[in-house]
Amino acid sequence: MLESGTGIRTAGIATGAAVLALALLAPLRIAIGQDEISAAEAAAKAGADTAEGKKFGEALGQAFGREHGSTIQRCARETKRPDLADFDLFVRVNGSGVVDQALVAPSTTLATCVRDKMPGWKIAVPPQGGFWVKVGVTLKSK
């Protein structure tokens, strides 16, 4: 009987330790996400500093405007209380010209919805695979 009581106490301590570990890791996940945005932004800037990278980025931005206005509208309808704040969209384009990763900052409900619809978007082949591009999305006229 004493062992069973000890087991329960140990399980409670283990559960408490697991909850504490998760609480301590939550800020780490946020920091990792911010680091990911910083890395994508740096890569996009480096790519835009080359002539062919700048040309590709401009073409991608124009294509986004043409092809994803309806995506933004759909996300505004699908999202509860969409935040219509401007955001930056970072897309990584693989060597075949397909978006394989997308990030947004700030991570509003609307921006997150748009981000989630970007992987698989087929566009032109970039100067190199894994090419990051930053697209500034302005939702309100100034």
N, C-alpha and C. Protein backbone atom coordinates (compact mmCIF):
# COMPACT_ATOMS: atom_id res chain seq x y z
N MET A 1 0.82 -1.19 0.00
CA MET A 1 0.00 0.00 0.00
C MET A 1 0.86 1.25 0.00
N LEU A 2 1.93 1.24 0.77
CA LEU A 2 2.80 2.40 0.84
C LEU A 2 3.43 2.66 -0.53
N GLU A 3 3.79 1.60 -1.25
CA GLU A 3 4.40 1.77 -2.56
C GLU A 3 3.41 2.42 -3.53
N SER A 4 2.16 2.02 -3.45
CA SER A 4 1.17 2.59 -4.35
C SER A 4 1.02 4.09 -4.08
N GLY A 5 1.03 4.49 -2.84
CA GLY A 5 0.95 5.91 -2.50
C GLY A 5 2.16 6.66 -3.01
N THR A 6 3.32 6.04 -2.91
CA THR A 6 4.55 6.66 -3.40
C THR A 6 4.49 6.82 -4.92
N GLY A 7 3.94 5.81 -5.59
CA GLY A 7 3.81 5.88 -7.05
C GLY A 7 2.93 7.03 -7.48
N ILE A 8 1.86 7.25 -6.76
CA ILE A 8 0.96 8.34 -7.09
C ILE A 8 1.68 9.67 -6.89
N ARG A 9 2.40 9.80 -5.80
CA ARG A 9 3.13 11.03 -5.53
C ARG A 9 4.17 11.26 -6.63
N THR A 10 4.87 10.22 -7.04
CA THR A 10 5.88 10.33 -8.10
C THR A 10 5.23 10.73 -9.41
N ALA A 11 4.07 10.15 -9.70
CA ALA A 11 3.38 10.50 -10.95
C ALA A 11 2.98 11.97 -10.92
N GLY A 12 2.54 12.46 -9.76
CA GLY A 12 2.16 13.87 -9.64
C GLY A 12 3.35 14.78 -9.85
N ILE A 13 4.49 14.39 -9.31
CA ILE A 13 5.72 15.18 -9.49
C ILE A 13 6.14 15.16 -10.96
N ALA A 14 6.04 13.98 -11.60
CA ALA A 14 6.42 13.87 -13.01
C ALA A 14 5.50 14.73 -13.87
N THR A 15 4.20 14.71 -13.58
CA THR A 15 3.26 15.53 -14.34
C THR A 15 3.56 17.01 -14.14
N GLY A 16 3.84 17.40 -12.90
CA GLY A 16 4.19 18.79 -12.63
C GLY A 16 5.44 19.22 -13.37
N ALA A 17 6.43 18.32 -13.41
CA ALA A 17 7.67 18.63 -14.13
C ALA A 17 7.40 18.78 -15.63
N ALA A 18 6.52 17.94 -16.18
CA ALA A 18 6.20 18.03 -17.61
C ALA A 18 5.50 19.35 -17.92
N VAL A 19 4.56 19.75 -17.06
CA VAL A 19 3.86 21.02 -17.25
C VAL A 19 4.85 22.18 -17.17
N LEU A 20 5.76 22.13 -16.20
CA LEU A 20 6.76 23.17 -16.06
C LEU A 20 7.65 23.23 -17.30
N ALA A 21 8.05 22.07 -17.81
CA ALA A 21 8.90 22.02 -19.00
C ALA A 21 8.18 22.65 -20.19
N LEU A 22 6.89 22.35 -20.37
CA LEU A 22 6.13 22.94 -21.47
C LEU A 22 6.02 24.45 -21.31
N ALA A 23 5.81 24.90 -20.09
CA ALA A 23 5.71 26.34 -19.84
C ALA A 23 7.03 27.04 -20.16
N LEU A 24 8.13 26.39 -19.87
CA LEU A 24 9.44 26.99 -20.15
C LEU A 24 9.76 26.96 -21.63
N LEU A 25 9.24 25.97 -22.38
CA LEU A 25 9.54 25.86 -23.81
C LEU A 25 8.68 26.78 -24.66
N ALA A 26 7.53 27.23 -24.17
CA ALA A 26 6.64 28.09 -24.96
C ALA A 26 7.37 29.33 -25.47
N PRO A 27 8.10 30.07 -24.62
CA PRO A 27 8.83 31.24 -25.15
C PRO A 27 9.90 30.83 -26.17
N LEU A 28 10.46 29.64 -26.02
CA LEU A 28 11.47 29.16 -26.96
C LEU A 28 10.85 28.98 -28.34
N ARG A 29 9.62 28.43 -28.41
CA ARG A 29 8.95 28.26 -29.70
C ARG A 29 8.72 29.61 -30.34
N ILE A 30 8.33 30.62 -29.57
CA ILE A 30 8.12 31.96 -30.11
C ILE A 30 9.44 32.51 -30.63
N ALA A 31 10.52 32.34 -29.88
CA ALA A 31 11.83 32.83 -30.30
C ALA A 31 12.29 32.13 -31.57
N ILE A 32 12.04 30.82 -31.66
CA ILE A 32 12.42 30.08 -32.87
C ILE A 32 11.66 30.64 -34.06
N GLY A 33 10.35 30.91 -33.90
CA GLY A 33 9.55 31.49 -34.97
C GLY A 33 10.08 32.84 -35.40
N GLN A 34 10.48 33.67 -34.43
CA GLN A 34 11.03 34.98 -34.75
C GLN A 34 12.37 34.83 -35.47
N ASP A 35 13.18 33.89 -35.04
CA ASP A 35 14.45 33.65 -35.71
C ASP A 35 14.23 33.20 -37.15
N GLU A 36 13.19 32.40 -37.36
CA GLU A 36 12.86 31.92 -38.69
C GLU A 36 12.46 33.09 -39.59
N ILE A 37 11.68 34.01 -39.06
CA ILE A 37 11.28 35.21 -39.81
C ILE A 37 12.53 36.05 -40.12
N SER A 38 13.38 36.24 -39.12
CA SER A 38 14.60 37.04 -39.32
C SER A 38 15.49 36.42 -40.40
N ALA A 39 15.62 35.10 -40.37
CA ALA A 39 16.44 34.41 -41.37
C ALA A 39 15.83 34.55 -42.76
N ALA A 40 14.51 34.40 -42.86
CA ALA A 40 13.82 34.53 -44.15
C ALA A 40 13.96 35.96 -44.68
N GLU A 41 13.82 36.94 -43.78
CA GLU A 41 13.95 38.34 -44.18
C GLU A 41 15.36 38.64 -44.68
N ALA A 42 16.36 38.13 -43.98
CA ALA A 42 17.76 38.33 -44.40
C ALA A 42 18.02 37.68 -45.75
N ALA A 43 17.50 36.47 -45.95
CA ALA A 43 17.69 35.77 -47.22
C ALA A 43 16.97 36.49 -48.35
N ALA A 44 15.77 37.01 -48.08
CA ALA A 44 15.02 37.75 -49.10
C ALA A 44 15.76 39.03 -49.48
N LYS A 45 16.31 39.71 -48.48
CA LYS A 45 17.06 40.95 -48.75
C LYS A 45 18.31 40.64 -49.57
N ALA A 46 19.02 39.58 -49.21
CA ALA A 46 20.22 39.20 -49.96
C ALA A 46 19.87 38.86 -51.41
N GLY A 47 18.77 38.15 -51.59
CA GLY A 47 18.34 37.80 -52.95
C GLY A 47 17.93 39.02 -53.75
N ALA A 48 17.27 39.97 -53.09
CA ALA A 48 16.82 41.19 -53.77
C ALA A 48 17.98 42.12 -54.11
N ASP A 49 19.13 41.90 -53.50
CA ASP A 49 20.31 42.73 -53.77
C ASP A 49 21.01 42.34 -55.08
N THR A 50 20.60 41.24 -55.70
CA THR A 50 21.17 40.85 -56.99
C THR A 50 20.21 41.29 -58.09
N ALA A 51 20.70 41.51 -59.28
CA ALA A 51 19.85 41.97 -60.38
C ALA A 51 18.77 40.95 -60.72
N GLU A 52 19.15 39.68 -60.84
CA GLU A 52 18.14 38.68 -61.20
C GLU A 52 17.20 38.40 -60.04
N GLY A 53 17.69 38.50 -58.80
CA GLY A 53 16.84 38.32 -57.64
C GLY A 53 15.82 39.43 -57.52
N LYS A 54 16.25 40.66 -57.80
CA LYS A 54 15.34 41.80 -57.75
C LYS A 54 14.25 41.64 -58.81
N LYS A 55 14.64 41.25 -60.00
CA LYS A 55 13.69 41.05 -61.10
C LYS A 55 12.69 39.95 -60.74
N PHE A 56 13.18 38.85 -60.19
CA PHE A 56 12.30 37.74 -59.80
C PHE A 56 11.33 38.18 -58.70
N GLY A 57 11.84 38.90 -57.69
CA GLY A 57 11.00 39.37 -56.60
C GLY A 57 9.90 40.30 -57.08
N GLU A 58 10.23 41.19 -58.00
CA GLU A 58 9.22 42.11 -58.54
C GLU A 58 8.15 41.33 -59.31
N ALA A 59 8.58 40.35 -60.11
CA ALA A 59 7.63 39.54 -60.87
C ALA A 59 6.74 38.72 -59.93
N LEU A 60 7.33 38.18 -58.87
CA LEU A 60 6.55 37.41 -57.90
C LEU A 60 5.53 38.31 -57.20
N GLY A 61 5.93 39.51 -56.83
CA GLY A 61 5.02 40.45 -56.18
C GLY A 61 3.83 40.79 -57.07
N GLN A 62 4.10 41.02 -58.35
CA GLN A 62 3.02 41.33 -59.30
C GLN A 62 2.10 40.12 -59.47
N ALA A 63 2.69 38.93 -59.56
CA ALA A 63 1.89 37.70 -59.70
C ALA A 63 1.03 37.48 -58.45
N PHE A 64 1.59 37.77 -57.27
CA PHE A 64 0.83 37.62 -56.04
C PHE A 64 -0.39 38.55 -56.08
N GLY A 65 -0.18 39.79 -56.47
CA GLY A 65 -1.28 40.75 -56.56
C GLY A 65 -2.37 40.29 -57.52
N ARG A 66 -1.97 39.76 -58.66
CA ARG A 66 -2.94 39.29 -59.67
C ARG A 66 -3.68 38.04 -59.20
N GLU A 67 -2.92 37.09 -58.65
CA GLU A 67 -3.46 35.76 -58.40
C GLU A 67 -4.02 35.54 -56.99
N HIS A 68 -3.66 36.40 -56.04
CA HIS A 68 -4.06 36.11 -54.67
C HIS A 68 -4.92 37.18 -53.99
N GLY A 69 -5.42 38.13 -54.76
CA GLY A 69 -6.41 39.06 -54.21
C GLY A 69 -7.63 38.28 -53.74
N SER A 70 -8.02 37.30 -54.52
CA SER A 70 -9.17 36.46 -54.14
C SER A 70 -8.85 35.60 -52.91
N THR A 71 -7.60 35.20 -52.76
CA THR A 71 -7.19 34.43 -51.58
C THR A 71 -7.37 35.28 -50.32
N ILE A 72 -6.96 36.53 -50.40
CA ILE A 72 -7.10 37.44 -49.26
C ILE A 72 -8.58 37.64 -48.93
N GLN A 73 -9.39 37.83 -49.96
CA GLN A 73 -10.84 38.00 -49.73
C GLN A 73 -11.45 36.75 -49.11
N ARG A 74 -11.06 35.59 -49.61
CA ARG A 74 -11.57 34.32 -49.06
C ARG A 74 -11.16 34.17 -47.59
N CYS A 75 -9.92 34.49 -47.28
CA CYS A 75 -9.45 34.41 -45.90
C CYS A 75 -10.20 35.39 -45.00
N ALA A 76 -10.51 36.58 -45.52
CA ALA A 76 -11.26 37.56 -44.73
C ALA A 76 -12.65 37.02 -44.41
N ARG A 77 -13.26 36.28 -45.35
CA ARG A 77 -14.58 35.69 -45.10
C ARG A 77 -14.49 34.50 -44.16
N GLU A 78 -13.43 33.69 -44.28
CA GLU A 78 -13.29 32.45 -43.50
C GLU A 78 -12.84 32.70 -42.06
N THR A 79 -12.17 33.81 -41.82
CA THR A 79 -11.57 34.08 -40.52
C THR A 79 -12.53 34.87 -39.64
N LYS A 80 -12.68 34.39 -38.39
CA LYS A 80 -13.49 35.15 -37.44
C LYS A 80 -12.75 36.45 -37.11
N ARG A 81 -13.43 37.55 -37.22
CA ARG A 81 -12.85 38.86 -36.91
C ARG A 81 -11.46 39.04 -37.52
N PRO A 82 -11.35 39.05 -38.84
CA PRO A 82 -10.03 39.18 -39.46
C PRO A 82 -9.36 40.51 -39.10
N ASP A 83 -8.10 40.45 -38.78
CA ASP A 83 -7.31 41.64 -38.49
C ASP A 83 -6.81 42.15 -39.84
N LEU A 84 -7.24 43.32 -40.22
CA LEU A 84 -6.90 43.86 -41.53
C LEU A 84 -5.63 44.69 -41.52
N ALA A 85 -4.73 44.38 -40.61
CA ALA A 85 -3.44 45.07 -40.55
C ALA A 85 -2.55 44.59 -41.71
N ASP A 86 -1.74 45.49 -42.23
CA ASP A 86 -0.77 45.13 -43.27
C ASP A 86 0.18 44.08 -42.70
N PHE A 87 0.74 43.25 -43.57
CA PHE A 87 1.69 42.24 -43.13
C PHE A 87 2.70 41.95 -44.23
N ASP A 88 3.80 41.34 -43.81
CA ASP A 88 4.82 40.89 -44.76
C ASP A 88 4.68 39.39 -44.92
N LEU A 89 4.70 38.96 -46.16
CA LEU A 89 4.64 37.54 -46.51
C LEU A 89 6.01 37.16 -47.05
N PHE A 90 6.59 36.13 -46.49
CA PHE A 90 7.87 35.61 -46.96
C PHE A 90 7.61 34.25 -47.57
N VAL A 91 7.97 34.07 -48.84
CA VAL A 91 7.78 32.77 -49.49
C VAL A 91 9.12 32.24 -49.96
N ARG A 92 9.30 30.93 -49.78
CA ARG A 92 10.50 30.26 -50.28
C ARG A 92 10.08 29.45 -51.50
N VAL A 93 10.77 29.70 -52.62
CA VAL A 93 10.44 29.07 -53.88
C VAL A 93 11.51 28.04 -54.20
N ASN A 94 11.07 26.81 -54.46
CA ASN A 94 12.05 25.75 -54.77
C ASN A 94 12.53 25.86 -56.22
N GLY A 95 13.44 25.01 -56.61
CA GLY A 95 14.04 25.06 -57.94
C GLY A 95 13.08 24.80 -59.08
N SER A 96 11.89 24.28 -58.78
CA SER A 96 10.86 24.05 -59.80
C SER A 96 9.88 25.20 -59.91
N GLY A 97 10.05 26.23 -59.08
CA GLY A 97 9.16 27.38 -59.12
C GLY A 97 7.89 27.19 -58.30
N VAL A 98 7.97 26.36 -57.27
CA VAL A 98 6.81 26.11 -56.40
C VAL A 98 7.14 26.60 -55.00
N VAL A 99 6.19 27.32 -54.39
CA VAL A 99 6.37 27.78 -53.02
C VAL A 99 6.32 26.55 -52.11
N ASP A 100 7.40 26.36 -51.35
CA ASP A 100 7.43 25.21 -50.44
C ASP A 100 7.37 25.61 -48.97
N GLN A 101 7.47 26.91 -48.69
CA GLN A 101 7.32 27.39 -47.32
C GLN A 101 6.89 28.85 -47.37
N ALA A 102 6.06 29.23 -46.40
CA ALA A 102 5.63 30.63 -46.29
C ALA A 102 5.59 31.02 -44.82
N LEU A 103 5.95 32.26 -44.55
CA LEU A 103 5.93 32.83 -43.20
C LEU A 103 5.30 34.21 -43.29
N VAL A 104 4.74 34.69 -42.19
CA VAL A 104 4.17 36.03 -42.15
C VAL A 104 4.58 36.75 -40.88
N ALA A 105 4.63 38.07 -40.98
CA ALA A 105 4.88 38.91 -39.81
C ALA A 105 4.15 40.22 -40.02
N PRO A 106 3.34 40.69 -39.10
CA PRO A 106 2.94 39.97 -37.89
C PRO A 106 1.99 38.82 -38.23
N SER A 107 1.87 37.92 -37.30
CA SER A 107 1.08 36.71 -37.51
C SER A 107 -0.38 36.93 -37.10
N THR A 108 -1.09 37.75 -37.87
CA THR A 108 -2.51 38.00 -37.58
C THR A 108 -3.34 36.84 -38.11
N THR A 109 -4.62 36.82 -37.77
CA THR A 109 -5.48 35.73 -38.23
C THR A 109 -5.57 35.71 -39.75
N LEU A 110 -5.72 36.87 -40.36
CA LEU A 110 -5.82 36.94 -41.81
C LEU A 110 -4.49 36.55 -42.46
N ALA A 111 -3.39 37.09 -41.95
CA ALA A 111 -2.07 36.77 -42.51
C ALA A 111 -1.78 35.29 -42.41
N THR A 112 -2.14 34.68 -41.29
CA THR A 112 -1.90 33.24 -41.10
C THR A 112 -2.70 32.43 -42.10
N CYS A 113 -3.93 32.83 -42.35
CA CYS A 113 -4.76 32.13 -43.34
C CYS A 113 -4.11 32.22 -44.73
N VAL A 114 -3.67 33.41 -45.11
CA VAL A 114 -3.01 33.58 -46.42
C VAL A 114 -1.74 32.74 -46.47
N ARG A 115 -0.95 32.78 -45.42
CA ARG A 115 0.28 31.98 -45.35
C ARG A 115 0.00 30.50 -45.60
N ASP A 116 -1.04 30.00 -44.98
CA ASP A 116 -1.37 28.57 -45.09
C ASP A 116 -1.80 28.16 -46.50
N LYS A 117 -2.18 29.12 -47.33
CA LYS A 117 -2.63 28.83 -48.69
C LYS A 117 -1.50 28.97 -49.73
N MET A 118 -0.32 29.40 -49.31
CA MET A 118 0.78 29.64 -50.24
C MET A 118 1.54 28.38 -50.69
N PRO A 119 1.83 27.43 -49.80
CA PRO A 119 2.57 26.25 -50.27
C PRO A 119 1.84 25.56 -51.43
N GLY A 120 2.62 25.27 -52.47
CA GLY A 120 2.06 24.65 -53.66
C GLY A 120 1.79 25.63 -54.79
N TRP A 121 1.86 26.94 -54.48
CA TRP A 121 1.64 27.96 -55.51
C TRP A 121 2.77 27.86 -56.53
N LYS A 122 2.43 27.66 -57.79
CA LYS A 122 3.40 27.51 -58.88
C LYS A 122 3.62 28.86 -59.53
N ILE A 123 4.88 29.26 -59.56
CA ILE A 123 5.24 30.51 -60.22
C ILE A 123 6.48 30.26 -61.08
N ALA A 124 7.14 31.29 -61.48
CA ALA A 124 8.34 31.16 -62.32
C ALA A 124 9.48 30.51 -61.53
N VAL A 125 10.41 29.95 -62.26
CA VAL A 125 11.59 29.34 -61.63
C VAL A 125 12.50 30.47 -61.13
N PRO A 126 12.92 30.39 -59.86
CA PRO A 126 13.76 31.44 -59.28
C PRO A 126 15.21 31.32 -59.75
N PRO A 127 16.03 32.32 -59.43
CA PRO A 127 17.45 32.26 -59.77
C PRO A 127 18.14 31.02 -59.20
N GLN A 128 17.65 30.52 -58.06
CA GLN A 128 18.20 29.31 -57.44
C GLN A 128 17.12 28.70 -56.55
N GLY A 129 17.20 27.43 -56.30
CA GLY A 129 16.24 26.77 -55.42
C GLY A 129 16.36 27.28 -54.00
N GLY A 130 15.25 27.28 -53.28
CA GLY A 130 15.26 27.76 -51.90
C GLY A 130 15.34 29.26 -51.82
N PHE A 131 14.85 29.96 -52.85
CA PHE A 131 14.96 31.42 -52.95
C PHE A 131 13.83 32.08 -52.17
N TRP A 132 14.16 32.94 -51.22
CA TRP A 132 13.18 33.65 -50.40
C TRP A 132 12.83 34.99 -51.02
N VAL A 133 11.55 35.33 -50.98
CA VAL A 133 11.07 36.63 -51.46
C VAL A 133 10.13 37.21 -50.40
N LYS A 134 10.27 38.50 -50.17
CA LYS A 134 9.38 39.21 -49.26
C LYS A 134 8.35 39.98 -50.07
N VAL A 135 7.07 39.79 -49.72
CA VAL A 135 5.99 40.52 -50.36
C VAL A 135 5.28 41.33 -49.29
N GLY A 136 5.30 42.63 -49.41
CA GLY A 136 4.57 43.48 -48.47
C GLY A 136 3.10 43.52 -48.88
N VAL A 137 2.21 43.10 -48.00
CA VAL A 137 0.79 43.06 -48.29
C VAL A 137 0.12 44.24 -47.57
N THR A 138 -0.38 45.19 -48.36
CA THR A 138 -1.05 46.37 -47.83
C THR A 138 -2.55 46.20 -48.04
N LEU A 139 -3.30 46.19 -46.94
CA LEU A 139 -4.73 45.93 -47.03
C LEU A 139 -5.57 47.19 -46.99
N LYS A 140 -5.04 48.26 -46.44
CA LYS A 140 -5.78 49.52 -46.35
C LYS A 140 -5.06 50.57 -47.17
N SER A 141 -5.82 51.38 -47.88
CA SER A 141 -5.18 52.47 -48.61
C SER A 141 -4.81 53.55 -47.62
N LYS A 142 -3.68 54.19 -47.86
CA LYS A 142 -3.18 55.18 -46.90
C LYS A 142 -3.40 56.57 -47.40
